[in-house]
Amino acid sequence: MQLPPQRRAPAGAKAEQRVRDILRVGREVLAERGFERATTTEIAQRLGISEATVFTYFRGKRELCMRVIGDWYDEIIAAIEAGLPRSAPVRVQLEFMVHTHLRLFLIQGTGLCALVLSEGRSKGQELGETFVELQRRYTAPLMDLLARGQSSGEVRSDIPLRLLRSLVFGPMEHMLWEVVIAGRQIDIDASASALVALLWPALQAPDQELLGLRNLRDELRTALNRL
């Protein structure tokens, strides 16, 4: 399922720039005000255009909000996919993904983070099925990583992927709540490493730990034989 089309597709460079400007300022206002208090009137005023011009391209605040969140999610997904070390063990990839998620949510988009965590959850029905689809799209890279981990035998396969996904995103959302809502400061690098260290024993396939010990035993035996 894709996002619903805009009211009118921009025709020409000037119209495309207008849409980019509306989305840029819409992101600012939504991040500052939240969904409930943000208005298309303020967005238009900041741009020096009429509110009718905003409605030329977007049906209303809900559609604009979904486009803003969708574009932000796409930026985060692109950053994850561009930097993900796919040849590394799943645990290393997971730590990169958790780190990137926390960094981009907290450093680049604290206001939007609050929008997604609070308004997005409490206004789920108002924001509609589109918001649910955005969440699915956003969590797809993690689902792909976990599925690849199951195929390689690094991630346990006795638990459904959706539950493993919740196991990862649940603690991350709790961290984000503490920072955004309670104002707590965290060390992103240390927090990402600590979270993965906590989660990995629960995600790891049971035989992987035994395999690791066997490999260590073989390495020690080889080293001793060389003495």
Protein backbone atom coordinates (compact mmCIF):
# COMPACT_ATOMS: atom_id res chain seq x y z
CA MET A 1 0.00 0.00 0.00
CA GLN A 2 1.39 3.38 -1.02
CA LEU A 3 0.72 6.82 0.35
CA PRO A 4 -2.35 8.44 -1.24
CA PRO A 5 -1.50 10.78 -4.11
CA GLN A 6 -1.35 14.47 -3.48
CA ARG A 7 -4.33 16.55 -4.46
CA ARG A 8 -2.49 17.80 -7.52
CA ALA A 9 0.81 16.50 -8.81
CA PRO A 10 3.24 19.39 -9.20
CA ALA A 11 3.73 20.35 -12.85
CA GLY A 12 6.95 22.15 -13.55
CA ALA A 13 9.95 23.21 -11.52
CA LYS A 14 8.14 26.08 -9.80
CA ALA A 15 5.33 23.84 -8.56
CA GLU A 16 7.79 21.17 -7.42
CA GLN A 17 9.71 23.78 -5.45
CA ARG A 18 6.45 24.96 -3.90
CA VAL A 19 5.69 21.42 -2.69
CA ARG A 20 9.20 21.08 -1.26
CA ASP A 21 8.78 24.39 0.58
CA ILE A 22 5.41 23.35 2.01
CA LEU A 23 6.86 20.04 3.19
CA ARG A 24 9.92 21.72 4.70
CA VAL A 25 7.88 24.26 6.67
CA GLY A 26 5.22 21.67 7.42
CA ARG A 27 7.91 19.53 9.04
CA GLU A 28 9.02 22.50 11.15
CA VAL A 29 5.51 23.37 12.33
CA LEU A 30 4.49 19.78 13.03
CA ALA A 31 7.71 19.21 14.97
CA GLU A 32 7.16 22.35 17.03
CA ARG A 33 3.40 22.12 17.58
CA GLY A 34 2.46 18.48 17.26
CA PHE A 35 -0.38 17.26 15.06
CA GLU A 36 -3.19 18.68 17.19
CA ARG A 37 -1.91 22.26 17.42
CA ALA A 38 -0.26 22.57 14.01
CA THR A 39 -2.31 24.40 11.39
CA THR A 40 -2.10 24.81 7.66
CA THR A 41 -2.73 28.51 8.29
CA GLU A 42 0.58 28.86 10.15
CA ILE A 43 2.40 26.88 7.49
CA ALA A 44 1.06 29.21 4.80
CA GLN A 45 1.90 32.32 6.85
CA ARG A 46 5.51 31.24 7.36
CA LEU A 47 5.86 30.74 3.61
CA GLY A 48 4.09 33.98 2.75
CA ILE A 49 1.44 32.21 0.68
CA SER A 50 -2.30 31.70 1.03
CA GLU A 51 -3.74 28.68 2.80
CA ALA A 52 -5.56 27.91 -0.44
CA THR A 53 -2.18 27.35 -2.08
CA VAL A 54 -1.37 24.65 0.51
CA PHE A 55 -4.71 22.99 -0.28
CA THR A 56 -3.85 23.09 -3.97
CA TYR A 57 -1.27 20.38 -3.34
CA PHE A 58 -2.51 18.68 -0.14
CA ARG A 59 -6.06 17.82 0.86
CA GLY A 60 -5.46 18.90 4.43
CA LYS A 61 -3.31 18.62 7.53
CA ARG A 62 -3.64 14.85 7.80
CA GLU A 63 -2.31 14.22 4.29
CA LEU A 64 0.49 16.74 4.78
CA CYS A 65 1.44 15.14 8.10
CA MET A 66 1.60 11.68 6.54
CA ARG A 67 3.79 12.98 3.72
CA VAL A 68 6.14 14.68 6.20
CA ILE A 69 6.48 11.52 8.30
CA GLY A 70 6.83 9.37 5.19
CA ASP A 71 9.61 11.53 3.78
CA TRP A 72 11.41 11.49 7.14
CA TYR A 73 11.12 7.72 7.35
CA ASP A 74 12.50 7.43 3.81
CA GLU A 75 15.54 9.49 4.85
CA ILE A 76 16.19 7.17 7.81
CA ILE A 77 15.67 4.02 5.73
CA ALA A 78 18.07 5.37 3.09
CA ALA A 79 20.71 6.07 5.76
CA ILE A 80 20.35 2.55 7.16
CA GLU A 81 20.50 0.86 3.77
CA ALA A 82 23.46 2.97 2.62
CA GLY A 83 25.60 2.19 5.66
CA LEU A 84 24.45 -1.28 6.69
CA PRO A 85 27.50 -3.63 6.71
CA ARG A 86 25.69 -6.55 5.06
CA SER A 87 28.75 -8.81 5.01
CA ALA A 88 29.19 -8.47 8.79
CA PRO A 89 27.56 -10.80 11.35
CA VAL A 90 23.91 -10.06 12.07
CA ARG A 91 24.77 -8.79 15.54
CA VAL A 92 27.04 -6.12 14.06
CA GLN A 93 24.36 -5.11 11.55
CA LEU A 94 21.80 -4.94 14.34
CA GLU A 95 24.00 -2.60 16.38
CA PHE A 96 24.45 -0.33 13.35
CA MET A 97 20.70 -0.27 12.81
CA VAL A 98 19.91 0.52 16.46
CA HIS A 99 22.59 3.22 16.58
CA THR A 100 21.36 4.84 13.35
CA HIS A 101 17.75 4.73 14.52
CA LEU A 102 18.53 6.43 17.84
CA ARG A 103 20.91 8.97 16.29
CA LEU A 104 18.56 10.16 13.57
CA PHE A 105 15.52 10.23 15.82
CA LEU A 106 17.26 12.17 18.58
CA ILE A 107 19.81 14.36 16.81
CA GLN A 108 18.02 15.22 13.58
CA GLY A 109 14.39 14.95 14.50
CA THR A 110 13.51 15.27 18.18
CA GLY A 111 10.34 17.20 17.40
CA LEU A 112 9.21 14.72 14.78
CA CYS A 113 10.12 11.93 17.17
CA ALA A 114 7.65 13.38 19.66
CA LEU A 115 5.07 13.66 16.89
CA VAL A 116 5.40 9.99 15.99
CA LEU A 117 5.57 8.71 19.57
CA SER A 118 2.76 10.76 21.07
CA GLU A 119 0.46 12.17 18.40
CA GLY A 120 0.96 9.26 16.05
CA ARG A 121 -0.01 6.71 18.68
CA SER A 122 -2.81 8.61 20.38
CA LYS A 123 -4.29 9.82 17.08
CA GLY A 124 -3.99 6.51 15.30
CA GLN A 125 -7.57 6.48 14.05
CA GLU A 126 -7.44 10.10 12.98
CA LEU A 127 -4.20 9.58 11.07
CA GLY A 128 -5.66 6.43 9.58
CA GLU A 129 -4.39 3.27 7.93
CA THR A 130 -1.75 5.27 6.10
CA PHE A 131 0.11 5.77 9.38
CA VAL A 132 0.03 2.02 10.04
CA GLU A 133 1.46 1.40 6.56
CA LEU A 134 4.21 3.96 7.21
CA GLN A 135 5.16 2.05 10.36
CA ARG A 136 5.31 -1.20 8.41
CA ARG A 137 7.53 0.39 5.79
CA TYR A 138 9.79 1.87 8.43
CA THR A 139 10.30 -1.44 10.24
CA ALA A 140 10.91 -3.38 6.99
CA PRO A 141 14.74 -3.10 7.11
CA LEU A 142 14.82 -4.66 10.59
CA MET A 143 12.41 -7.39 9.50
CA ASP A 144 14.68 -8.13 6.53
CA LEU A 145 17.74 -8.31 8.79
CA LEU A 146 16.01 -10.67 11.21
CA ALA A 147 14.77 -12.85 8.34
CA ARG A 148 18.29 -13.05 6.92
CA GLY A 149 19.55 -13.90 10.39
CA GLN A 150 17.09 -16.76 10.64
CA SER A 151 18.15 -18.05 7.22
CA SER A 152 21.82 -17.97 8.20
CA GLY A 153 21.11 -19.63 11.55
CA GLU A 154 22.26 -16.61 13.58
CA VAL A 155 18.79 -15.62 14.80
CA ARG A 156 16.37 -17.97 16.49
CA SER A 157 13.59 -19.24 14.25
CA ASP A 158 11.21 -20.53 16.92
CA ILE A 159 9.67 -17.07 17.48
CA PRO A 160 7.69 -15.12 14.81
CA LEU A 161 9.51 -12.22 13.19
CA ARG A 162 6.87 -9.72 14.32
CA LEU A 163 7.60 -10.58 17.96
CA LEU A 164 11.35 -10.30 17.43
CA ARG A 165 10.72 -6.90 15.80
CA SER A 166 8.77 -5.76 18.85
CA LEU A 167 11.56 -7.04 21.10
CA VAL A 168 13.95 -4.63 19.36
CA PHE A 169 11.72 -1.61 18.80
CA GLY A 170 10.07 -1.74 22.23
CA PRO A 171 13.19 -0.84 24.26
CA MET A 172 14.24 1.73 21.64
CA GLU A 173 10.89 3.47 21.90
CA HIS A 174 11.19 3.46 25.67
CA MET A 175 14.57 5.21 25.37
CA LEU A 176 13.10 7.76 22.98
CA TRP A 177 10.18 8.44 25.32
CA GLU A 178 12.60 9.17 28.16
CA VAL A 179 14.58 11.61 26.04
CA VAL A 180 11.74 13.36 24.23
CA ILE A 181 9.09 13.43 26.95
CA ALA A 182 11.13 13.39 30.17
CA GLY A 183 14.13 15.31 28.83
CA ARG A 184 16.68 12.68 29.85
CA GLN A 185 20.04 12.84 28.09
CA ILE A 186 21.68 9.65 26.83
CA ASP A 187 24.98 8.67 25.23
CA ILE A 188 23.75 7.32 21.90
CA ASP A 189 26.83 5.19 21.17
CA ALA A 190 26.90 3.61 24.62
CA SER A 191 23.11 3.18 24.70
CA ALA A 192 23.02 1.42 21.33
CA SER A 193 25.83 -0.96 22.34
CA ALA A 194 24.27 -1.69 25.73
CA LEU A 195 20.84 -2.32 24.20
CA VAL A 196 22.18 -4.79 21.64
CA ALA A 197 24.22 -6.54 24.33
CA LEU A 198 20.99 -6.94 26.29
CA LEU A 199 18.87 -8.04 23.32
CA TRP A 200 21.25 -10.33 21.47
CA PRO A 201 21.09 -13.28 23.91
CA ALA A 202 17.31 -13.31 23.39
CA LEU A 203 17.58 -13.01 19.59
CA GLN A 204 20.48 -15.36 19.05
CA ALA A 205 19.81 -18.92 17.90
CA PRO A 206 20.39 -21.30 20.85
CA ASP A 207 23.05 -23.30 19.00
CA GLN A 208 25.02 -20.21 18.07
CA GLU A 209 26.39 -19.80 21.58
CA LEU A 210 27.44 -23.44 21.62
CA LEU A 211 29.00 -23.05 18.18
CA GLY A 212 30.95 -20.03 19.41
CA LEU A 213 32.29 -21.98 22.37
CA ARG A 214 33.29 -24.87 20.11
CA ASN A 215 35.13 -22.49 17.78
CA LEU A 216 36.91 -20.96 20.75
CA ARG A 217 37.88 -24.45 21.98
CA ASP A 218 39.25 -25.36 18.55
CA GLU A 219 41.23 -22.11 18.36
CA LEU A 220 42.73 -22.73 21.80
CA ARG A 221 43.56 -26.32 20.93
CA THR A 222 45.29 -25.20 17.73
CA ALA A 223 47.26 -22.56 19.62
CA LEU A 224 48.37 -25.06 22.28
CA ASN A 225 49.46 -27.58 19.64
CA ARG A 226 51.76 -24.94 18.17
CA LEU A 227 53.59 -24.45 21.47
